[in-house]
């Protein structure tokens, strides 16, 4: 029984450690990272991809108050988006919500005037497209700058009809 209880907790810690590669005061941001003073910003550093293809994305809290984030197993719902043929931004990274209540404990926070770097998803193969990253399921909406990235058509199809897309549709439909 002890191993069953510990396993989800350890998975949450490992996932959070994997997605949170760096953090610190805004004054220590790399010079190429741009943010809006006094606001919450996302900056995707498309020119400094990791060897595995992921994009460093900086979540910058320029506000004077701490930023509490909703998360699942350390995932702050940072999702890849691409511009479709109509010019509309659509999520192309699928998401699966956890059925386990333990997945939603200990949501991360970003202190005032601090940042957190997160690895932005990039598929191994796909079509080159205009892309950006957006935070979903938060009390605020923020998207990153635009860059060139890959979009996997199968993943985009899954994202268009997963549970997150259903929730987003419900939020935007008239009551």
C-alpha atoms as a PDB file:
ATOM      1  CA  UNK A   1       0.000   0.000   0.000  1.00  0.00           C
ATOM      2  CA  UNK A   2       2.837   2.387   0.828  1.00  0.00           C
ATOM      3  CA  UNK A   3       4.244   2.082  -2.719  1.00  0.00           C
ATOM      4  CA  UNK A   4       0.891   2.884  -4.307  1.00  0.00           C
ATOM      5  CA  UNK A   5       0.581   6.133  -2.348  1.00  0.00           C
ATOM      6  CA  UNK A   6       4.166   7.209  -3.012  1.00  0.00           C
ATOM      7  CA  UNK A   7       4.172   6.512  -6.764  1.00  0.00           C
ATOM      8  CA  UNK A   8       1.777   9.339  -7.826  1.00  0.00           C
ATOM      9  CA  UNK A   9       3.541  11.776  -5.494  1.00  0.00           C
ATOM     10  CA  UNK A  10       6.950  10.907  -6.948  1.00  0.00           C
ATOM     11  CA  UNK A  11       5.574  11.125 -10.497  1.00  0.00           C
ATOM     12  CA  UNK A  12       4.234  14.626  -9.787  1.00  0.00           C
ATOM     13  CA  UNK A  13       7.608  15.739  -8.425  1.00  0.00           C
ATOM     14  CA  UNK A  14       9.485  14.213 -11.376  1.00  0.00           C
ATOM     15  CA  UNK A  15       7.122  15.789 -13.912  1.00  0.00           C
ATOM     16  CA  UNK A  16       7.378  19.201 -12.270  1.00  0.00           C
ATOM     17  CA  UNK A  17      11.190  18.966 -12.139  1.00  0.00           C
ATOM     18  CA  UNK A  18      11.209  17.986 -15.807  1.00  0.00           C
ATOM     19  CA  UNK A  19       9.037  20.924 -16.880  1.00  0.00           C
ATOM     20  CA  UNK A  20      10.683  23.519 -14.651  1.00  0.00           C
ATOM     21  CA  UNK A  21      14.233  23.876 -15.902  1.00  0.00           C
ATOM     22  CA  UNK A  22      14.909  27.306 -14.436  1.00  0.00           C
ATOM     23  CA  UNK A  23      13.580  30.118 -12.351  1.00  0.00           C
ATOM     24  CA  UNK A  24      14.783  33.323 -10.815  1.00  0.00           C
ATOM     25  CA  UNK A  25      14.397  37.063 -10.579  1.00  0.00           C
ATOM     26  CA  UNK A  26      13.447  38.980 -13.720  1.00  0.00           C
ATOM     27  CA  UNK A  27      16.794  40.782 -13.574  1.00  0.00           C
ATOM     28  CA  UNK A  28      18.527  37.455 -14.331  1.00  0.00           C
ATOM     29  CA  UNK A  29      16.602  36.740 -17.557  1.00  0.00           C
ATOM     30  CA  UNK A  30      18.749  36.165 -20.661  1.00  0.00           C
ATOM     31  CA  UNK A  31      19.076  39.385 -22.705  1.00  0.00           C
ATOM     32  CA  UNK A  32      17.046  38.033 -25.676  1.00  0.00           C
ATOM     33  CA  UNK A  33      13.988  37.386 -23.471  1.00  0.00           C
ATOM     34  CA  UNK A  34      11.433  40.182 -23.763  1.00  0.00           C
ATOM     35  CA  UNK A  35       8.569  40.892 -21.368  1.00  0.00           C
ATOM     36  CA  UNK A  36       5.959  43.541 -20.708  1.00  0.00           C
ATOM     37  CA  UNK A  37       6.717  45.449 -17.477  1.00  0.00           C
ATOM     38  CA  UNK A  38       4.028  45.046 -14.820  1.00  0.00           C
ATOM     39  CA  UNK A  39       2.322  42.184 -16.678  1.00  0.00           C
ATOM     40  CA  UNK A  40       2.382  38.410 -16.939  1.00  0.00           C
ATOM     41  CA  UNK A  41       4.258  37.479 -20.132  1.00  0.00           C
ATOM     42  CA  UNK A  42       5.323  34.397 -22.074  1.00  0.00           C
ATOM     43  CA  UNK A  43       8.453  34.443 -24.203  1.00  0.00           C
ATOM     44  CA  UNK A  44       9.293  31.451 -26.385  1.00  0.00           C
ATOM     45  CA  UNK A  45      13.013  31.379 -27.178  1.00  0.00           C
ATOM     46  CA  UNK A  46      12.754  29.678 -30.583  1.00  0.00           C
ATOM     47  CA  UNK A  47      16.424  30.400 -31.325  1.00  0.00           C
ATOM     48  CA  UNK A  48      17.686  28.341 -28.361  1.00  0.00           C
ATOM     49  CA  UNK A  49      15.943  24.981 -28.688  1.00  0.00           C
ATOM     50  CA  UNK A  50      17.118  22.073 -26.565  1.00  0.00           C
ATOM     51  CA  UNK A  51      18.741  19.052 -28.223  1.00  0.00           C
ATOM     52  CA  UNK A  52      15.447  17.168 -27.934  1.00  0.00           C
ATOM     53  CA  UNK A  53      13.697  19.949 -29.905  1.00  0.00           C
ATOM     54  CA  UNK A  54      11.760  21.498 -27.031  1.00  0.00           C
ATOM     55  CA  UNK A  55      11.547  25.279 -26.885  1.00  0.00           C
ATOM     56  CA  UNK A  56      12.458  27.161 -23.693  1.00  0.00           C
ATOM     57  CA  UNK A  57       9.409  29.222 -22.749  1.00  0.00           C
ATOM     58  CA  UNK A  58       9.740  31.840 -20.040  1.00  0.00           C
ATOM     59  CA  UNK A  59       6.702  32.588 -17.893  1.00  0.00           C
ATOM     60  CA  UNK A  60       7.442  36.042 -16.491  1.00  0.00           C
ATOM     61  CA  UNK A  61       5.525  37.527 -13.574  1.00  0.00           C
ATOM     62  CA  UNK A  62       6.138  41.264 -13.866  1.00  0.00           C
ATOM     63  CA  UNK A  63       3.382  41.991 -11.358  1.00  0.00           C
ATOM     64  CA  UNK A  64       3.945  43.023  -7.766  1.00  0.00           C
ATOM     65  CA  UNK A  65       2.012  40.014  -6.445  1.00  0.00           C
ATOM     66  CA  UNK A  66       2.704  36.262  -6.586  1.00  0.00           C
ATOM     67  CA  UNK A  67       1.157  34.336  -9.466  1.00  0.00           C
ATOM     68  CA  UNK A  68      -0.625  31.113  -8.497  1.00  0.00           C
ATOM     69  CA  UNK A  69      -0.876  28.624 -11.353  1.00  0.00           C
ATOM     70  CA  UNK A  70      -3.343  25.829 -11.957  1.00  0.00           C
ATOM     71  CA  UNK A  71      -1.490  22.611 -12.793  1.00  0.00           C
ATOM     72  CA  UNK A  72      -1.818  18.864 -13.206  1.00  0.00           C
ATOM     73  CA  UNK A  73       1.163  16.763 -12.141  1.00  0.00           C
ATOM     74  CA  UNK A  74       3.351  19.841 -12.559  1.00  0.00           C
ATOM     75  CA  UNK A  75       1.991  20.631 -16.051  1.00  0.00           C
ATOM     76  CA  UNK A  76       0.892  24.282 -16.027  1.00  0.00           C
ATOM     77  CA  UNK A  77      -1.159  23.714 -19.198  1.00  0.00           C
ATOM     78  CA  UNK A  78       1.338  25.402 -21.522  1.00  0.00           C
ATOM     79  CA  UNK A  79       0.149  24.227 -24.940  1.00  0.00           C
ATOM     80  CA  UNK A  80       1.434  24.583 -28.489  1.00  0.00           C
ATOM     81  CA  UNK A  81      -0.795  26.492 -30.899  1.00  0.00           C
ATOM     82  CA  UNK A  82      -0.580  26.992 -34.668  1.00  0.00           C
ATOM     83  CA  UNK A  83      -2.234  29.452 -36.980  1.00  0.00           C
ATOM     84  CA  UNK A  84      -4.758  27.752 -39.253  1.00  0.00           C
ATOM     85  CA  UNK A  85      -5.586  28.743 -42.846  1.00  0.00           C
ATOM     86  CA  UNK A  86      -8.194  31.238 -41.561  1.00  0.00           C
ATOM     87  CA  UNK A  87      -5.539  32.993 -39.453  1.00  0.00           C
ATOM     88  CA  UNK A  88      -7.092  31.711 -36.207  1.00  0.00           C
ATOM     89  CA  UNK A  89      -4.845  30.269 -33.484  1.00  0.00           C
ATOM     90  CA  UNK A  90      -5.751  26.671 -32.591  1.00  0.00           C
ATOM     91  CA  UNK A  91      -4.278  24.315 -30.025  1.00  0.00           C
ATOM     92  CA  UNK A  92      -2.302  21.520 -31.713  1.00  0.00           C
ATOM     93  CA  UNK A  93      -1.051  19.761 -28.575  1.00  0.00           C
ATOM     94  CA  UNK A  94      -3.534  17.309 -27.072  1.00  0.00           C
ATOM     95  CA  UNK A  95      -4.179  17.118 -23.338  1.00  0.00           C
ATOM     96  CA  UNK A  96      -5.520  14.361 -21.101  1.00  0.00           C
ATOM     97  CA  UNK A  97      -6.829  15.310 -17.684  1.00  0.00           C
ATOM     98  CA  UNK A  98      -5.890  12.998 -14.832  1.00  0.00           C
ATOM     99  CA  UNK A  99      -8.572  11.031 -13.052  1.00  0.00           C
ATOM    100  CA  UNK A 100      -6.531  11.065  -9.823  1.00  0.00           C
ATOM    101  CA  UNK A 101      -7.219  13.879  -7.365  1.00  0.00           C
ATOM    102  CA  UNK A 102      -3.588  13.746  -6.188  1.00  0.00           C
ATOM    103  CA  UNK A 103      -2.556  15.152  -9.590  1.00  0.00           C
ATOM    104  CA  UNK A 104      -3.882  18.566  -8.629  1.00  0.00           C
ATOM    105  CA  UNK A 105      -2.148  19.098  -5.256  1.00  0.00           C
ATOM    106  CA  UNK A 106       0.599  21.670  -4.705  1.00  0.00           C
ATOM    107  CA  UNK A 107       0.075  23.954  -7.697  1.00  0.00           C
ATOM    108  CA  UNK A 108       3.215  25.945  -8.542  1.00  0.00           C
ATOM    109  CA  UNK A 109       3.551  29.677  -7.997  1.00  0.00           C
ATOM    110  CA  UNK A 110       5.774  32.342  -9.520  1.00  0.00           C
ATOM    111  CA  UNK A 111       6.787  35.048  -7.013  1.00  0.00           C
ATOM    112  CA  UNK A 112       6.360  38.719  -7.900  1.00  0.00           C
ATOM    113  CA  UNK A 113       9.050  39.992 -10.304  1.00  0.00           C
ATOM    114  CA  UNK A 114      10.261  36.424 -10.994  1.00  0.00           C
ATOM    115  CA  UNK A 115      10.176  33.994 -13.909  1.00  0.00           C
ATOM    116  CA  UNK A 116       9.953  30.269 -14.472  1.00  0.00           C
ATOM    117  CA  UNK A 117      11.269  28.521 -17.561  1.00  0.00           C
ATOM    118  CA  UNK A 118       9.184  25.655 -18.953  1.00  0.00           C
ATOM    119  CA  UNK A 119       9.990  23.281 -21.815  1.00  0.00           C
ATOM    120  CA  UNK A 120       7.578  23.968 -24.662  1.00  0.00           C
ATOM    121  CA  UNK A 121       6.418  20.856 -26.512  1.00  0.00           C
ATOM    122  CA  UNK A 122       7.545  20.290 -30.091  1.00  0.00           C
ATOM    123  CA  UNK A 123       6.708  17.084 -31.975  1.00  0.00           C
ATOM    124  CA  UNK A 124       9.619  15.090 -33.394  1.00  0.00           C
ATOM    125  CA  UNK A 125       8.107  15.246 -36.888  1.00  0.00           C
ATOM    126  CA  UNK A 126       5.555  17.433 -38.545  1.00  0.00           C
ATOM    127  CA  UNK A 127       4.777  20.303 -40.866  1.00  0.00           C
ATOM    128  CA  UNK A 128       6.610  23.619 -40.445  1.00  0.00           C
ATOM    129  CA  UNK A 129       4.167  26.278 -39.289  1.00  0.00           C
ATOM    130  CA  UNK A 130       3.784  29.556 -37.456  1.00  0.00           C
ATOM    131  CA  UNK A 131       3.452  28.554 -33.803  1.00  0.00           C
ATOM    132  CA  UNK A 132       3.177  30.043 -30.323  1.00  0.00           C
ATOM    133  CA  UNK A 133       2.507  28.832 -26.786  1.00  0.00           C
ATOM    134  CA  UNK A 134      -0.548  29.677 -24.698  1.00  0.00           C
ATOM    135  CA  UNK A 135      -1.435  28.980 -21.067  1.00  0.00           C
ATOM    136  CA  UNK A 136      -4.796  27.230 -20.690  1.00  0.00           C
ATOM    137  CA  UNK A 137      -7.034  26.640 -17.653  1.00  0.00           C
ATOM    138  CA  UNK A 138      -5.632  29.626 -15.751  1.00  0.00           C
ATOM    139  CA  UNK A 139      -7.458  32.632 -14.289  1.00  0.00           C
ATOM    140  CA  UNK A 140      -5.736  34.737 -16.948  1.00  0.00           C
ATOM    141  CA  UNK A 141      -4.944  34.320 -20.640  1.00  0.00           C
ATOM    142  CA  UNK A 142      -1.452  34.840 -22.060  1.00  0.00           C
ATOM    143  CA  UNK A 143       0.276  33.753 -25.258  1.00  0.00           C
ATOM    144  CA  UNK A 144       3.899  33.872 -26.327  1.00  0.00           C
ATOM    145  CA  UNK A 145       5.579  35.513 -29.251  1.00  0.00           C
ATOM    146  CA  UNK A 146       5.285  33.772 -32.626  1.00  0.00           C
ATOM    147  CA  UNK A 147       7.988  31.597 -34.160  1.00  0.00           C
ATOM    148  CA  UNK A 148       8.471  28.712 -36.550  1.00  0.00           C
ATOM    149  CA  UNK A 149       7.892  25.200 -35.278  1.00  0.00           C
ATOM    150  CA  UNK A 150       6.534  21.798 -36.177  1.00  0.00           C
ATOM    151  CA  UNK A 151       2.911  20.700 -36.041  1.00  0.00           C
ATOM    152  CA  UNK A 152       1.964  17.025 -36.061  1.00  0.00           C
ATOM    153  CA  UNK A 153      -1.343  16.657 -37.964  1.00  0.00           C
ATOM    154  CA  UNK A 154      -2.415  13.635 -35.867  1.00  0.00           C
ATOM    155  CA  UNK A 155      -1.770  15.505 -32.598  1.00  0.00           C
ATOM    156  CA  UNK A 156      -3.649  18.553 -33.905  1.00  0.00           C
ATOM    157  CA  UNK A 157      -6.620  16.349 -34.749  1.00  0.00           C
ATOM    158  CA  UNK A 158      -6.604  14.852 -31.242  1.00  0.00           C
ATOM    159  CA  UNK A 159      -6.331  18.325 -29.676  1.00  0.00           C
ATOM    160  CA  UNK A 160      -9.377  19.516 -31.623  1.00  0.00           C
ATOM    161  CA  UNK A 161     -11.631  17.025 -29.849  1.00  0.00           C
ATOM    162  CA  UNK A 162     -10.054  16.242 -26.480  1.00  0.00           C
ATOM    163  CA  UNK A 163     -11.524  17.127 -23.069  1.00  0.00           C
ATOM    164  CA  UNK A 164      -9.675  20.458 -22.988  1.00  0.00           C
ATOM    165  CA  UNK A 165     -11.288  21.554 -26.274  1.00  0.00           C
ATOM    166  CA  UNK A 166     -14.718  20.620 -24.912  1.00  0.00           C
ATOM    167  CA  UNK A 167     -14.072  22.699 -21.771  1.00  0.00           C
ATOM    168  CA  UNK A 168     -12.874  25.677 -23.861  1.00  0.00           C
ATOM    169  CA  UNK A 169     -15.974  25.453 -26.069  1.00  0.00           C
ATOM    170  CA  UNK A 170     -18.235  25.480 -23.002  1.00  0.00           C
ATOM    171  CA  UNK A 171     -16.466  28.583 -21.633  1.00  0.00           C
ATOM    172  CA  UNK A 172     -16.953  30.508 -24.876  1.00  0.00           C
ATOM    173  CA  UNK A 173     -20.527  29.465 -25.653  1.00  0.00           C
ATOM    174  CA  UNK A 174     -23.369  31.890 -24.800  1.00  0.00           C
ATOM    175  CA  UNK A 175     -25.259  30.963 -21.647  1.00  0.00           C
END
